[in-house]
Structures are given as structure tokens and as C-alpha cells.
Amino acid sequence: MWWHVKNLFRRILLLDPEFLCDTCKYDYPRACTRPERPNAMRCPDYRKGGK
């Protein structure tokens, strides 16, 4: 619960302007089937990609 509030404040203040999916190497439908995609702010499968 606490991280939801923290992320809301960070988005409002534009401290985290990008979603994780924007830079994830799994950012395509066959690789990622999580319901949070494409707007995940937190993801256990996140791996930095080369975008």
C-alpha cells in the first residue's frame, strides 16, 4: 500500500516521468503478459533494455 502512495507523489512531482516498460527488454506482447503492462511502475521481471 505504501509504495502506491509514494509512486503517486513521485508521478505528480515528475520525479519518475517514465514507466518501467518504456526501458524494459521484455516490452513486447509475447514476452510480457503482466496486466500492468505498458504502465508498470514496479515489476519483478524488469530488465533494462537497449531502447
C-alpha atoms as a PDB file:
ATOM      1  CA  MET A   1       0.000   0.000   0.000  1.00  0.00           C
ATOM      2  CA  TRP A   2       2.722   2.476   0.954  1.00  0.00           C
ATOM      3  CA  TRP A   3       4.529   2.191  -2.392  1.00  0.00           C
ATOM      4  CA  HIS A   4       1.281   3.163  -4.204  1.00  0.00           C
ATOM      5  CA  VAL A   5       1.173   6.438  -2.308  1.00  0.00           C
ATOM      6  CA  LYS A   6       4.886   7.018  -2.807  1.00  0.00           C
ATOM      7  CA  ASN A   7       4.646   6.375  -6.563  1.00  0.00           C
ATOM      8  CA  LEU A   8       1.626   8.666  -6.860  1.00  0.00           C
ATOM      9  CA  PHE A   9       3.581  11.526  -5.296  1.00  0.00           C
ATOM     10  CA  ARG A  10       6.609  10.806  -7.491  1.00  0.00           C
ATOM     11  CA  ARG A  11       4.443  10.896 -10.638  1.00  0.00           C
ATOM     12  CA  ILE A  12       2.737  14.118  -9.549  1.00  0.00           C
ATOM     13  CA  LEU A  13       6.121  15.732  -8.914  1.00  0.00           C
ATOM     14  CA  LEU A  14       7.514  14.231 -12.157  1.00  0.00           C
ATOM     15  CA  LEU A  15      10.388  12.543 -10.347  1.00  0.00           C
ATOM     16  CA  ASP A  16       9.678   9.321 -12.282  1.00  0.00           C
ATOM     17  CA  PRO A  17       8.396  10.518 -15.667  1.00  0.00           C
ATOM     18  CA  GLU A  18       8.840   7.147 -17.388  1.00  0.00           C
ATOM     19  CA  PHE A  19       7.176   3.821 -16.843  1.00  0.00           C
ATOM     20  CA  LEU A  20       9.422   0.774 -16.439  1.00  0.00           C
ATOM     21  CA  CYS A  21       8.012  -0.768 -19.618  1.00  0.00           C
ATOM     22  CA  ASP A  22       9.498   2.053 -21.691  1.00  0.00           C
ATOM     23  CA  THR A  23      13.016   0.786 -20.983  1.00  0.00           C
ATOM     24  CA  CYS A  24      12.400  -2.918 -20.380  1.00  0.00           C
ATOM     25  CA  LYS A  25      13.894  -5.507 -22.710  1.00  0.00           C
ATOM     26  CA  TYR A  26      10.671  -7.534 -22.356  1.00  0.00           C
ATOM     27  CA  ASP A  27       8.449  -4.722 -23.680  1.00  0.00           C
ATOM     28  CA  TYR A  28       6.596  -6.695 -26.326  1.00  0.00           C
ATOM     29  CA  PRO A  29       3.380  -8.743 -26.041  1.00  0.00           C
ATOM     30  CA  ARG A  30       4.833 -12.240 -26.393  1.00  0.00           C
ATOM     31  CA  ALA A  31       7.485 -11.657 -23.724  1.00  0.00           C
ATOM     32  CA  CYS A  32       5.401  -9.788 -21.157  1.00  0.00           C
ATOM     33  CA  THR A  33       1.857 -10.751 -20.272  1.00  0.00           C
ATOM     34  CA  ARG A  34       1.622  -8.859 -16.992  1.00  0.00           C
ATOM     35  CA  PRO A  35      -1.594  -6.851 -16.538  1.00  0.00           C
ATOM     36  CA  GLU A  36       0.418  -3.757 -15.537  1.00  0.00           C
ATOM     37  CA  ARG A  37       1.995  -3.524 -18.980  1.00  0.00           C
ATOM     38  CA  PRO A  38       2.649  -0.958 -20.521  1.00  0.00           C
ATOM     39  CA  ASN A  39       2.317   1.327 -17.475  1.00  0.00           C
ATOM     40  CA  ALA A  40       4.196  -0.586 -14.785  1.00  0.00           C
ATOM     41  CA  MET A  41       5.884   1.460 -12.115  1.00  0.00           C
ATOM     42  CA  ARG A  42       7.132  -1.651 -10.312  1.00  0.00           C
ATOM     43  CA  CYS A  43       7.844  -5.083 -11.788  1.00  0.00           C
ATOM     44  CA  PRO A  44       9.757  -8.138 -10.531  1.00  0.00           C
ATOM     45  CA  ASP A  45      10.603  -9.174 -14.123  1.00  0.00           C
ATOM     46  CA  TYR A  46      12.082  -5.820 -15.200  1.00  0.00           C
ATOM     47  CA  ARG A  47      15.397  -5.967 -17.060  1.00  0.00           C
ATOM     48  CA  LYS A  48      16.981  -2.858 -18.553  1.00  0.00           C
ATOM     49  CA  GLY A  49      16.817  -2.941 -22.323  1.00  0.00           C
ATOM     50  CA  GLY A  50      18.607  -1.099 -25.064  1.00  0.00           C
ATOM     51  CA  LYS A  51      15.915   1.372 -26.131  1.00  0.00           C
END
